[in-house]
C-alpha atoms as a PDB file:
ATOM      1  CA  MET A   1      -4.160 -42.795   8.747  1.00  0.00           C
ATOM      2  CA  ARG A   2      -3.984 -45.325  11.568  1.00  0.00           C
ATOM      3  CA  LEU A   3      -1.899 -48.017   9.940  1.00  0.00           C
ATOM      4  CA  ARG A   4       0.180 -50.613  11.720  1.00  0.00           C
ATOM      5  CA  LEU A   5       2.720 -50.781   8.873  1.00  0.00           C
ATOM      6  CA  HIS A   6       3.756 -48.282   6.177  1.00  0.00           C
ATOM      7  CA  PRO A   7       1.966 -48.660   2.844  1.00  0.00           C
ATOM      8  CA  TRP A   8       5.424 -48.667   1.230  1.00  0.00           C
ATOM      9  CA  LEU A   9       5.353 -52.367   1.796  1.00  0.00           C
ATOM     10  CA  SER A  10       2.580 -52.710  -0.762  1.00  0.00           C
ATOM     11  CA  GLU A  11       4.551 -50.598  -3.189  1.00  0.00           C
ATOM     12  CA  ALA A  12       7.611 -52.753  -2.670  1.00  0.00           C
ATOM     13  CA  ARG A  13       5.562 -55.909  -3.165  1.00  0.00           C
ATOM     14  CA  ILE A  14       4.173 -54.636  -6.518  1.00  0.00           C
ATOM     15  CA  ALA A  15       7.693 -53.598  -7.643  1.00  0.00           C
ATOM     16  CA  ALA A  16       9.040 -57.065  -6.723  1.00  0.00           C
ATOM     17  CA  ALA A  17       6.237 -58.808  -8.590  1.00  0.00           C
ATOM     18  CA  ARG A  18       7.202 -56.847 -11.725  1.00  0.00           C
ATOM     19  CA  GLY A  19      10.814 -57.931 -11.509  1.00  0.00           C
ATOM     20  CA  GLY A  20      12.293 -54.952  -9.658  1.00  0.00           C
ATOM     21  CA  GLY A  21      13.549 -57.042  -6.765  1.00  0.00           C
ATOM     22  CA  TRP A  22      15.387 -59.384  -9.079  1.00  0.00           C
ATOM     23  CA  ARG A  23      17.152 -56.529 -10.883  1.00  0.00           C
ATOM     24  CA  ARG A  24      18.261 -54.897  -7.682  1.00  0.00           C
ATOM     25  CA  ASN A  25      19.420 -58.042  -5.928  1.00  0.00           C
ATOM     26  CA  ARG A  26      20.825 -60.084  -8.829  1.00  0.00           C
ATOM     27  CA  GLY A  27      24.342 -59.632  -7.570  1.00  0.00           C
ATOM     28  CA  ALA A  28      23.470 -61.076  -4.143  1.00  0.00           C
ATOM     29  CA  ILE A  29      21.536 -63.917  -5.816  1.00  0.00           C
ATOM     30  CA  ALA A  30      24.459 -64.723  -8.088  1.00  0.00           C
ATOM     31  CA  LEU A  31      26.826 -64.793  -5.088  1.00  0.00           C
ATOM     32  CA  LEU A  32      24.450 -67.053  -3.179  1.00  0.00           C
ATOM     33  CA  ALA A  33      24.250 -69.469  -6.154  1.00  0.00           C
ATOM     34  CA  LEU A  34      28.010 -69.484  -6.392  1.00  0.00           C
ATOM     35  CA  SER A  35      28.378 -70.263  -2.668  1.00  0.00           C
ATOM     36  CA  ILE A  36      26.074 -73.231  -3.098  1.00  0.00           C
ATOM     37  CA  LEU A  37      27.393 -74.563  -6.404  1.00  0.00           C
ATOM     38  CA  LEU A  38      31.088 -74.205  -5.551  1.00  0.00           C
ATOM     39  CA  PRO A  39      31.145 -76.666  -2.589  1.00  0.00           C
ATOM     40  CA  VAL A  40      28.908 -79.101  -4.519  1.00  0.00           C
ATOM     41  CA  GLY A  41      31.278 -78.951  -7.473  1.00  0.00           C
ATOM     42  CA  LEU A  42      34.303 -79.496  -5.263  1.00  0.00           C
ATOM     43  CA  ARG A  43      32.727 -82.556  -3.511  1.00  0.00           C
ATOM     44  CA  LEU A  44      31.768 -84.066  -6.896  1.00  0.00           C
ATOM     45  CA  SER A  45      35.286 -83.530  -8.332  1.00  0.00           C
ATOM     46  CA  GLY A  46      36.670 -86.543  -6.471  1.00  0.00           C
ATOM     47  CA  SER A  47      40.062 -84.941  -5.996  1.00  0.00           C
ATOM     48  CA  GLU A  48      41.795 -83.693  -2.849  1.00  0.00           C
ATOM     49  CA  ALA A  49      39.763 -80.461  -3.089  1.00  0.00           C
ATOM     50  CA  ALA A  50      36.647 -82.475  -2.228  1.00  0.00           C
ATOM     51  CA  MET A  51      37.657 -82.206   1.443  1.00  0.00           C
ATOM     52  CA  LEU A  52      37.798 -78.400   1.446  1.00  0.00           C
ATOM     53  CA  PRO A  53      34.022 -77.642   1.839  1.00  0.00           C
ATOM     54  CA  ALA A  54      33.714 -79.699   5.065  1.00  0.00           C
ATOM     55  CA  ALA A  55      36.614 -77.738   6.559  1.00  0.00           C
ATOM     56  CA  VAL A  56      34.548 -74.494   6.701  1.00  0.00           C
ATOM     57  CA  PRO A  57      31.973 -75.613   9.289  1.00  0.00           C
ATOM     58  CA  ARG A  58      34.756 -77.309  11.289  1.00  0.00           C
ATOM     59  CA  LEU A  59      36.768 -74.126  11.280  1.00  0.00           C
ATOM     60  CA  ILE A  60      33.771 -72.065  12.428  1.00  0.00           C
ATOM     61  CA  ALA A  61      33.078 -74.521  15.243  1.00  0.00           C
ATOM     62  CA  GLN A  62      36.722 -74.456  16.392  1.00  0.00           C
ATOM     63  CA  LEU A  63      37.052 -70.631  16.209  1.00  0.00           C
ATOM     64  CA  PRO A  64      33.579 -69.388  17.197  1.00  0.00           C
ATOM     65  CA  LEU A  65      34.521 -65.860  18.331  1.00  0.00           C
ATOM     66  CA  PRO A  66      36.105 -64.495  15.103  1.00  0.00           C
ATOM     67  CA  PHE A  67      33.328 -65.833  12.929  1.00  0.00           C
ATOM     68  CA  ALA A  68      30.604 -64.639  15.324  1.00  0.00           C
ATOM     69  CA  LEU A  69      32.198 -61.192  15.350  1.00  0.00           C
ATOM     70  CA  LEU A  70      32.474 -61.220  11.581  1.00  0.00           C
ATOM     71  CA  ALA A  71      28.760 -62.141  11.214  1.00  0.00           C
ATOM     72  CA  LEU A  72      27.856 -59.525  13.792  1.00  0.00           C
ATOM     73  CA  ALA A  73      29.834 -56.745  12.035  1.00  0.00           C
ATOM     74  CA  LEU A  74      28.418 -57.650   8.600  1.00  0.00           C
ATOM     75  CA  ALA A  75      24.810 -57.809   9.871  1.00  0.00           C
ATOM     76  CA  TYR A  76      25.222 -54.519  11.855  1.00  0.00           C
ATOM     77  CA  ALA A  77      26.659 -52.674   8.798  1.00  0.00           C
ATOM     78  CA  LEU A  78      24.043 -53.958   6.399  1.00  0.00           C
ATOM     79  CA  ALA A  79      21.087 -53.465   8.735  1.00  0.00           C
ATOM     80  CA  ARG A  80      22.120 -50.024   9.896  1.00  0.00           C
ATOM     81  CA  GLY A  81      22.844 -48.688   6.431  1.00  0.00           C
ATOM     82  CA  ARG A  82      19.750 -50.128   4.736  1.00  0.00           C
ATOM     83  CA  LEU A  83      17.341 -49.161   7.524  1.00  0.00           C
ATOM     84  CA  ILE A  84      18.675 -45.600   7.777  1.00  0.00           C
ATOM     85  CA  ALA A  85      18.396 -45.151   4.010  1.00  0.00           C
ATOM     86  CA  LEU A  86      14.825 -46.507   3.967  1.00  0.00           C
ATOM     87  CA  ASP A  87      13.832 -44.395   6.963  1.00  0.00           C
ATOM     88  CA  GLU A  88      15.171 -41.206   5.373  1.00  0.00           C
ATOM     89  CA  ARG A  89      13.388 -42.047   2.098  1.00  0.00           C
ATOM     90  CA  LEU A  90      10.065 -42.684   3.844  1.00  0.00           C
ATOM     91  CA  ARG A  91      10.208 -39.562   6.006  1.00  0.00           C
ATOM     92  CA  HIS A  92      11.749 -37.133   3.440  1.00  0.00           C
ATOM     93  CA  GLY A  93      10.827 -38.618   0.047  1.00  0.00           C
ATOM     94  CA  TRP A  94       7.552 -38.436  -1.783  1.00  0.00           C
ATOM     95  CA  TRP A  95       5.899 -40.542   1.011  1.00  0.00           C
ATOM     96  CA  ALA A  96       6.558 -37.622   3.406  1.00  0.00           C
ATOM     97  CA  ALA A  97       3.357 -35.832   2.252  1.00  0.00           C
ATOM     98  CA  ALA A  98       1.171 -38.802   3.188  1.00  0.00           C
ATOM     99  CA  PRO A  99      -0.660 -38.654   6.528  1.00  0.00           C
ATOM    100  CA  ILE A 100       1.142 -41.654   8.042  1.00  0.00           C
ATOM    101  CA  ALA A 101       1.931 -41.899  11.771  1.00  0.00           C
ATOM    102  CA  PRO A 102       5.621 -42.222  12.702  1.00  0.00           C
ATOM    103  CA  ALA A 103       4.776 -45.432  14.579  1.00  0.00           C
ATOM    104  CA  ALA A 104       3.916 -47.086  11.226  1.00  0.00           C
ATOM    105  CA  THR A 105       7.365 -46.303   9.859  1.00  0.00           C
ATOM    106  CA  THR A 106       9.049 -47.596  13.041  1.00  0.00           C
ATOM    107  CA  GLY A 107       6.974 -50.795  12.963  1.00  0.00           C
ATOM    108  CA  THR A 108       7.856 -51.283   9.254  1.00  0.00           C
ATOM    109  CA  LEU A 109      11.570 -50.980  10.008  1.00  0.00           C
ATOM    110  CA  ILE A 110      11.289 -53.481  12.834  1.00  0.00           C
ATOM    111  CA  VAL A 111       9.343 -56.010  10.698  1.00  0.00           C
ATOM    112  CA  LEU A 112      11.780 -55.674   7.834  1.00  0.00           C
ATOM    113  CA  ALA A 113      14.789 -56.074  10.142  1.00  0.00           C
ATOM    114  CA  PHE A 114      13.229 -59.211  11.663  1.00  0.00           C
ATOM    115  CA  ALA A 115      12.276 -60.746   8.291  1.00  0.00           C
ATOM    116  CA  ALA A 116      15.679 -60.026   6.760  1.00  0.00           C
ATOM    117  CA  THR A 117      17.488 -61.451   9.771  1.00  0.00           C
ATOM    118  CA  VAL A 118      15.469 -64.691   9.738  1.00  0.00           C
ATOM    119  CA  LEU A 119      16.044 -64.962   5.958  1.00  0.00           C
ATOM    120  CA  ALA A 120      19.792 -64.420   6.393  1.00  0.00           C
ATOM    121  CA  MET A 121      19.936 -67.133   9.129  1.00  0.00           C
ATOM    122  CA  LEU A 122      18.091 -69.567   6.911  1.00  0.00           C
ATOM    123  CA  VAL A 123      20.390 -68.782   3.925  1.00  0.00           C
ATOM    124  CA  ALA A 124      23.469 -69.200   6.106  1.00  0.00           C
ATOM    125  CA  ALA A 125      22.185 -72.494   7.502  1.00  0.00           C
ATOM    126  CA  VAL A 126      21.517 -73.822   3.976  1.00  0.00           C
ATOM    127  CA  VAL A 127      25.004 -72.770   2.784  1.00  0.00           C
ATOM    128  CA  LEU A 128      26.670 -74.471   5.778  1.00  0.00           C
ATOM    129  CA  ILE A 129      24.598 -77.610   5.267  1.00  0.00           C
ATOM    130  CA  VAL A 130      25.672 -77.665   1.631  1.00  0.00           C
ATOM    131  CA  PHE A 131      29.311 -77.345   2.677  1.00  0.00           C
ATOM    132  CA  GLY A 132      28.844 -80.543   4.643  1.00  0.00           C
ATOM    133  CA  GLY A 133      30.872 -82.126   7.424  1.00  0.00           C
ATOM    134  CA  GLU A 134      29.970 -83.734  10.694  1.00  0.00           C
ATOM    135  CA  ALA A 135      26.443 -83.037  11.862  1.00  0.00           C
ATOM    136  CA  ALA A 136      27.565 -81.653  15.284  1.00  0.00           C
ATOM    137  CA  GLN A 137      30.012 -79.252  13.671  1.00  0.00           C
ATOM    138  CA  VAL A 138      27.504 -78.007  11.089  1.00  0.00           C
ATOM    139  CA  ARG A 139      24.941 -77.475  13.814  1.00  0.00           C
ATOM    140  CA  SER A 140      27.423 -75.550  15.939  1.00  0.00           C
ATOM    141  CA  ALA A 141      28.492 -73.443  12.988  1.00  0.00           C
ATOM    142  CA  CYS A 142      24.868 -72.625  12.206  1.00  0.00           C
ATOM    143  CA  TRP A 143      24.191 -71.489  15.788  1.00  0.00           C
ATOM    144  CA  ILE A 144      27.375 -69.369  15.839  1.00  0.00           C
ATOM    145  CA  VAL A 145      26.613 -67.588  12.609  1.00  0.00           C
ATOM    146  CA  ALA A 146      22.910 -67.182  13.488  1.00  0.00           C
ATOM    147  CA  GLY A 147      23.845 -65.673  16.844  1.00  0.00           C
ATOM    148  CA  GLY A 148      26.173 -63.196  15.199  1.00  0.00           C
ATOM    149  CA  LEU A 149      23.638 -62.236  12.566  1.00  0.00           C
ATOM    150  CA  GLY A 150      20.825 -61.838  15.094  1.00  0.00           C
ATOM    151  CA  LEU A 151      22.850 -59.672  17.472  1.00  0.00           C
ATOM    152  CA  GLY A 152      24.370 -57.575  14.694  1.00  0.00           C
ATOM    153  CA  ALA A 153      20.943 -56.936  13.083  1.00  0.00           C
ATOM    154  CA  SER A 154      19.449 -55.969  16.424  1.00  0.00           C
ATOM    155  CA  LEU A 155      22.246 -53.493  17.128  1.00  0.00           C
ATOM    156  CA  GLY A 156      21.886 -52.124  13.621  1.00  0.00           C
ATOM    157  CA  LEU A 157      18.155 -51.606  14.120  1.00  0.00           C
ATOM    158  CA  ILE A 158      18.741 -49.834  17.428  1.00  0.00           C
ATOM    159  CA  SER A 159      21.385 -47.602  15.850  1.00  0.00           C
ATOM    160  CA  ALA A 160      19.112 -46.781  12.939  1.00  0.00           C
ATOM    161  CA  LEU A 161      16.198 -45.789  15.227  1.00  0.00           C
ATOM    162  CA  ARG A 162      18.625 -43.769  17.360  1.00  0.00           C
ATOM    163  CA  HIS A 163      19.988 -42.053  14.295  1.00  0.00           C
ATOM    164  CA  ARG A 164      16.506 -40.607  13.644  1.00  0.00           C
ATOM    165  CA  ARG A 165      16.254 -39.073  17.104  1.00  0.00           C
ATOM    166  CA  HIS A 166      19.626 -37.253  17.050  1.00  0.00           C
ATOM    167  CA  PRO A 167      19.637 -34.650  14.277  1.00  0.00           C
ATOM    168  CA  ARG A 168      22.596 -32.779  15.831  1.00  0.00           C
ATOM    169  CA  HIS A 169      24.671 -35.909  15.414  1.00  0.00           C
ATOM    170  CA  ARG A 170      23.725 -36.010  11.730  1.00  0.00           C
ATOM    171  CA  LEU A 171      24.774 -32.352  11.345  1.00  0.00           C
ATOM    172  CA  ARG A 172      28.173 -33.165  12.833  1.00  0.00           C
ATOM    173  CA  GLU A 173      28.469 -36.070  10.394  1.00  0.00           C
ATOM    174  CA  GLY A 174      27.763 -33.735   7.462  1.00  0.00           C
ATOM    175  CA  ALA A 175      31.158 -32.036   7.839  1.00  0.00           C
ATOM    176  CA  ARG A 176      32.880 -32.854   4.571  1.00  0.00           C
ATOM    177  CA  GLN A 177      35.937 -30.631   4.734  1.00  0.00           C
ATOM    178  CA  PRO A 178      38.950 -32.840   3.913  1.00  0.00           C
ATOM    179  CA  LEU A 179      42.055 -32.854   6.092  1.00  0.00           C
ATOM    180  CA  PHE A 180      44.305 -32.005   3.158  1.00  0.00           C
ATOM    181  CA  GLY A 181      43.448 -29.876   0.147  1.00  0.00           C
ATOM    182  CA  LEU A 182      43.638 -31.643  -3.193  1.00  0.00           C
ATOM    183  CA  ARG A 183      42.580 -28.892  -5.513  1.00  0.00           C
ATOM    184  CA  TRP A 184      45.208 -29.997  -8.068  1.00  0.00           C
ATOM    185  CA  LEU A 185      43.092 -33.112  -8.671  1.00  0.00           C
ATOM    186  CA  ASP A 186      40.197 -31.016 -10.001  1.00  0.00           C
ATOM    187  CA  ASP A 187      39.706 -31.090 -13.742  1.00  0.00           C
ATOM    188  CA  ALA A 188      39.553 -27.704 -15.444  1.00  0.00           C
ATOM    189  CA  ARG A 189      36.538 -28.696 -17.530  1.00  0.00           C
ATOM    190  CA  LEU A 190      34.593 -30.251 -14.633  1.00  0.00           C
ATOM    191  CA  PRO A 191      36.293 -28.751 -11.586  1.00  0.00           C
ATOM    192  CA  HIS A 192      33.743 -29.888  -9.024  1.00  0.00           C
ATOM    193  CA  LEU A 193      33.386 -33.596  -9.923  1.00  0.00           C
ATOM    194  CA  SER A 194      36.516 -34.886  -8.135  1.00  0.00           C
ATOM    195  CA  ASP A 195      35.737 -32.589  -5.178  1.00  0.00           C
ATOM    196  CA  TRP A 196      32.269 -34.065  -5.023  1.00  0.00           C
ATOM    197  CA  GLN A 197      33.725 -37.592  -5.094  1.00  0.00           C
ATOM    198  CA  ARG A 198      36.245 -36.754  -2.342  1.00  0.00           C
ATOM    199  CA  ARG A 199      33.646 -35.186  -0.042  1.00  0.00           C
ATOM    200  CA  GLU A 200      31.244 -38.125  -0.559  1.00  0.00           C
ATOM    201  CA  ALA A 201      34.007 -40.638   0.298  1.00  0.00           C
ATOM    202  CA  LEU A 202      35.051 -38.506   3.327  1.00  0.00           C
ATOM    203  CA  LEU A 203      31.484 -38.357   4.643  1.00  0.00           C
ATOM    204  CA  ARG A 204      30.976 -42.136   4.327  1.00  0.00           C
ATOM    205  CA  TRP A 205      34.323 -42.901   5.939  1.00  0.00           C
ATOM    206  CA  ARG A 206      33.647 -40.612   8.850  1.00  0.00           C
ATOM    207  CA  ARG A 207      30.295 -42.250   9.335  1.00  0.00           C
ATOM    208  CA  GLY A 208      32.088 -45.566   9.859  1.00  0.00           C
ATOM    209  CA  GLY A 209      31.653 -47.016   6.418  1.00  0.00           C
ATOM    210  CA  HIS A 210      33.425 -50.414   5.913  1.00  0.00           C
ATOM    211  CA  ALA A 211      34.759 -50.291   9.455  1.00  0.00           C
ATOM    212  CA  TRP A 212      33.405 -53.790   9.864  1.00  0.00           C
ATOM    213  CA  MET A 213      36.164 -55.039   7.508  1.00  0.00           C
ATOM    214  CA  VAL A 214      38.905 -53.685   9.764  1.00  0.00           C
ATOM    215  CA  GLY A 215      37.118 -54.961  12.838  1.00  0.00           C
ATOM    216  CA  ALA A 216      36.729 -58.451  11.415  1.00  0.00           C
ATOM    217  CA  VAL A 217      40.441 -58.593  10.549  1.00  0.00           C
ATOM    218  CA  LEU A 218      41.452 -57.436  14.009  1.00  0.00           C
ATOM    219  CA  ALA A 219      39.082 -59.948  15.630  1.00  0.00           C
ATOM    220  CA  ALA A 220      40.609 -62.802  13.606  1.00  0.00           C
ATOM    221  CA  LEU A 221      44.195 -62.017  14.556  1.00  0.00           C
ATOM    222  CA  PRO A 222      45.653 -64.479  17.053  1.00  0.00           C
ATOM    223  CA  SER A 223      46.790 -63.071  20.389  1.00  0.00           C
ATOM    224  CA  SER A 224      50.325 -64.269  19.702  1.00  0.00           C
ATOM    225  CA  THR A 225      50.744 -62.072  16.602  1.00  0.00           C
ATOM    226  CA  ALA A 226      53.903 -59.979  16.548  1.00  0.00           C
ATOM    227  CA  ILE A 227      53.577 -56.197  16.622  1.00  0.00           C
ATOM    228  CA  ALA A 228      55.136 -55.745  13.142  1.00  0.00           C
ATOM    229  CA  ALA A 229      52.934 -58.436  11.595  1.00  0.00           C
ATOM    230  CA  GLY A 230      49.824 -57.071  13.309  1.00  0.00           C
ATOM    231  CA  LEU A 231      50.588 -53.553  12.077  1.00  0.00           C
ATOM    232  CA  GLY A 232      51.147 -54.874   8.572  1.00  0.00           C
ATOM    233  CA  VAL A 233      47.798 -56.699   8.548  1.00  0.00           C
ATOM    234  CA  LEU A 234      46.114 -53.601   9.964  1.00  0.00           C
ATOM    235  CA  LEU A 235      47.554 -51.374   7.238  1.00  0.00           C
ATOM    236  CA  ILE A 236      46.514 -53.718   4.432  1.00  0.00           C
ATOM    237  CA  ALA A 237      42.964 -54.076   5.907  1.00  0.00           C
ATOM    238  CA  VAL A 238      42.568 -50.283   6.297  1.00  0.00           C
ATOM    239  CA  ALA A 239      43.865 -49.692   2.755  1.00  0.00           C
ATOM    240  CA  ILE A 240      41.475 -52.293   1.247  1.00  0.00           C
ATOM    241  CA  ALA A 241      38.489 -51.064   3.280  1.00  0.00           C
ATOM    242  CA  TRP A 242      39.184 -47.399   2.484  1.00  0.00           C
ATOM    243  CA  PHE A 243      39.724 -47.896  -1.250  1.00  0.00           C
ATOM    244  CA  SER A 244      36.623 -50.089  -1.648  1.00  0.00           C
ATOM    245  CA  LEU A 245      34.620 -47.315   0.115  1.00  0.00           C
ATOM    246  CA  VAL A 246      36.214 -44.654  -2.092  1.00  0.00           C
ATOM    247  CA  VAL A 247      35.209 -46.617  -5.231  1.00  0.00           C
ATOM    248  CA  GLN A 248      31.628 -46.906  -3.969  1.00  0.00           C
ATOM    249  CA  SER A 249      31.447 -43.232  -3.127  1.00  0.00           C
ATOM    250  CA  CYS A 250      33.006 -42.145  -6.487  1.00  0.00           C
ATOM    251  CA  VAL A 251      30.562 -44.255  -8.442  1.00  0.00           C
ATOM    252  CA  ALA A 252      27.626 -42.794  -6.511  1.00  0.00           C
ATOM    253  CA  ALA A 253      28.861 -39.217  -7.051  1.00  0.00           C
ATOM    254  CA  THR A 254      29.601 -39.889 -10.695  1.00  0.00           C
ATOM    255  CA  VAL A 255      26.141 -41.332 -11.427  1.00  0.00           C
ATOM    256  CA  ALA A 256      24.532 -38.347  -9.618  1.00  0.00           C
ATOM    257  CA  ALA A 257      26.670 -35.847 -11.514  1.00  0.00           C
ATOM    258  CA  ASP A 258      25.838 -37.566 -14.807  1.00  0.00           C
ATOM    259  CA  ARG A 259      22.110 -37.254 -14.115  1.00  0.00           C
ATOM    260  CA  LEU A 260      22.537 -33.620 -13.088  1.00  0.00           C
ATOM    261  CA  LEU A 261      24.501 -32.731 -16.258  1.00  0.00           C
ATOM    262  CA  ALA A 262      22.451 -34.917 -18.606  1.00  0.00           C
ATOM    263  CA  SER A 263      20.910 -31.885 -20.386  1.00  0.00           C
ATOM    264  CA  THR A 264      24.162 -29.966 -20.707  1.00  0.00           C
ATOM    265  CA  PRO A 265      26.573 -30.151 -23.659  1.00  0.00           C
ATOM    266  CA  ARG A 266      29.585 -32.143 -22.571  1.00  0.00           C
ATOM    267  CA  ALA A 267      32.032 -34.548 -24.129  1.00  0.00           C
ATOM    268  CA  PRO A 268      31.791 -38.101 -22.717  1.00  0.00           C
ATOM    269  CA  ARG A 269      35.633 -38.481 -22.805  1.00  0.00           C
ATOM    270  CA  ALA A 270      36.091 -35.335 -20.862  1.00  0.00           C
ATOM    271  CA  PHE A 271      33.534 -36.478 -18.268  1.00  0.00           C
ATOM    272  CA  ALA A 272      35.190 -39.892 -17.953  1.00  0.00           C
ATOM    273  CA  ALA A 273      38.620 -38.321 -17.620  1.00  0.00           C
ATOM    274  CA  ALA A 274      37.450 -36.039 -14.813  1.00  0.00           C
ATOM    275  CA  ALA A 275      35.597 -38.893 -13.106  1.00  0.00           C
ATOM    276  CA  TRP A 276      38.714 -41.092 -12.969  1.00  0.00           C
ATOM    277  CA  ARG A 277      41.120 -38.582 -11.488  1.00  0.00           C
ATOM    278  CA  TYR A 278      40.286 -39.036  -7.767  1.00  0.00           C
ATOM    279  CA  PRO A 279      39.788 -42.835  -7.948  1.00  0.00           C
ATOM    280  CA  ALA A 280      43.193 -43.238  -9.695  1.00  0.00           C
ATOM    281  CA  PHE A 281      44.823 -41.079  -6.971  1.00  0.00           C
ATOM    282  CA  ALA A 282      43.093 -43.129  -4.256  1.00  0.00           C
ATOM    283  CA  PHE A 283      44.326 -46.354  -5.886  1.00  0.00           C
ATOM    284  CA  VAL A 284      47.907 -45.140  -5.792  1.00  0.00           C
ATOM    285  CA  CYS A 285      47.563 -44.207  -2.085  1.00  0.00           C
ATOM    286  CA  ALA A 286      45.947 -47.573  -1.201  1.00  0.00           C
ATOM    287  CA  MET A 287      48.685 -49.431  -3.097  1.00  0.00           C
ATOM    288  CA  ALA A 288      51.402 -47.473  -1.207  1.00  0.00           C
ATOM    289  CA  LEU A 289      49.795 -48.266   2.124  1.00  0.00           C
ATOM    290  CA  MET A 290      49.492 -51.957   1.220  1.00  0.00           C
ATOM    291  CA  LEU A 291      53.130 -51.967   0.101  1.00  0.00           C
ATOM    292  CA  VAL A 292      54.135 -50.785   3.572  1.00  0.00           C
ATOM    293  CA  GLY A 293      51.978 -53.491   5.155  1.00  0.00           C
ATOM    294  CA  ALA A 294      53.509 -56.131   2.867  1.00  0.00           C
ATOM    295  CA  VAL A 295      56.993 -55.055   3.846  1.00  0.00           C
ATOM    296  CA  LEU A 296      56.111 -55.370   7.504  1.00  0.00           C
ATOM    297  CA  LEU A 297      54.725 -58.842   6.850  1.00  0.00           C
ATOM    298  CA  SER A 298      57.769 -59.784   4.695  1.00  0.00           C
ATOM    299  CA  LEU A 299      55.493 -60.818   1.835  1.00  0.00           C
ATOM    300  CA  SER A 300      56.923 -61.503  -1.550  1.00  0.00           C
ATOM    301  CA  TRP A 301      55.811 -60.033  -4.846  1.00  0.00           C
ATOM    302  CA  ARG A 302      53.583 -63.106  -5.331  1.00  0.00           C
ATOM    303  CA  ALA A 303      51.159 -61.667  -2.853  1.00  0.00           C
ATOM    304  CA  ALA A 304      50.468 -58.624  -5.110  1.00  0.00           C
ATOM    305  CA  PRO A 305      48.003 -60.440  -7.420  1.00  0.00           C
ATOM    306  CA  VAL A 306      46.104 -61.741  -4.374  1.00  0.00           C
ATOM    307  CA  LEU A 307      45.763 -58.266  -2.876  1.00  0.00           C
ATOM    308  CA  LEU A 308      44.707 -56.832  -6.242  1.00  0.00           C
ATOM    309  CA  ALA A 309      42.132 -59.557  -6.665  1.00  0.00           C
ATOM    310  CA  ILE A 310      40.692 -58.800  -3.219  1.00  0.00           C
ATOM    311  CA  VAL A 311      40.487 -55.090  -4.015  1.00  0.00           C
ATOM    312  CA  LEU A 312      38.818 -55.816  -7.393  1.00  0.00           C
ATOM    313  CA  LEU A 313      36.323 -58.231  -5.854  1.00  0.00           C
ATOM    314  CA  LEU A 314      35.273 -55.672  -3.250  1.00  0.00           C
ATOM    315  CA  SER A 315      34.984 -52.961  -5.882  1.00  0.00           C
ATOM    316  CA  LEU A 316      32.955 -54.921  -8.442  1.00  0.00           C
ATOM    317  CA  PRO A 317      29.578 -54.271  -6.805  1.00  0.00           C
ATOM    318  CA  ALA A 318      30.166 -50.533  -6.864  1.00  0.00           C
ATOM    319  CA  LEU A 319      31.603 -50.537 -10.357  1.00  0.00           C
ATOM    320  CA  SER A 320      28.515 -52.219 -11.665  1.00  0.00           C
ATOM    321  CA  GLY A 321      26.646 -48.981 -10.929  1.00  0.00           C
ATOM    322  CA  LEU A 322      28.557 -47.260 -13.701  1.00  0.00           C
ATOM    323  CA  ARG A 323      26.249 -49.042 -16.169  1.00  0.00           C
ATOM    324  CA  ARG A 324      23.587 -46.492 -15.265  1.00  0.00           C
ATOM    325  CA  VAL A 325      25.777 -43.601 -16.351  1.00  0.00           C
ATOM    326  CA  HIS A 326      24.077 -41.692 -19.165  1.00  0.00           C
ATOM    327  CA  ARG A 327      25.372 -42.318 -22.616  1.00  0.00           C
ATOM    328  CA  PRO A 328      24.270 -39.716 -25.221  1.00  0.00           C
ATOM    329  CA  VAL A 329      22.575 -41.121 -28.279  1.00  0.00           C
ATOM    330  CA  SER A 330      24.453 -40.274 -31.492  1.00  0.00           C
ATOM    331  CA  PRO A 331      22.294 -38.562 -34.106  1.00  0.00           C
ATOM    332  CA  ARG A 332      21.376 -40.657 -37.138  1.00  0.00           C
END
């Protein structure tokens, strides 16, 4: 078939028309609606908080480098991850048997990256306009964020296309042997579930998952930051990024294991107990690392709820995937 673009686009269009796109992206849509309604509500409140929305574009205009790097890191991570996943699915999924030229897949990835980047720029511009402020500051903030998004998405596209041409690099990434053995975490009834979770988290971490969080924090640190304070911020950022990645990996492994064992006799409580062993251990490790960072920053105990709220907020998108876990139907 001599096609300019992959026919998967037609399949995706049909699925979106039937409501599939809404179900898959309802979390992002809800977040976008909240980012628009929140500044509007603050401005209409008439209190001192009404001045807060206008401070966001002003802050971006005054500190262009940290926000540009943050937009670049976010766009790079999203573009690279989504494009690599789609490329692998098109080349190794059920579309692999279709006589479609590789150039059509490459063209599809480029078109999708361009369309998604333009859409992200428009959404960011709308959100900044809703936040309000002086026209010059809003315009500068839009250009800063758009530049970061465009450059990050371009680098993510290049990295995704390069990932296809280096299979040896992918084989090296497939090494999932942990640095320390944690066999005592394995449940006797489901001994391989926590090991699966740990190896999945290790693979994603070694591939650079959530590294953009640490990079964004480091980019936002002032140059006059003390060594102890900088180390404390770094420890907290690494702990939050690592634990949120662990939660995402554990949920993915748990859902996959549930589908694999759907036809086997198993107790739901035993499966849940085995599935929570490694995430609970990772939570304790992350809290210990954040405690060390809080001591270096001389934070009081009042900072603990804020850190826990950040961890919970970053873990919610992954935890929502547990709704797909199989629940056996009780006999009537």
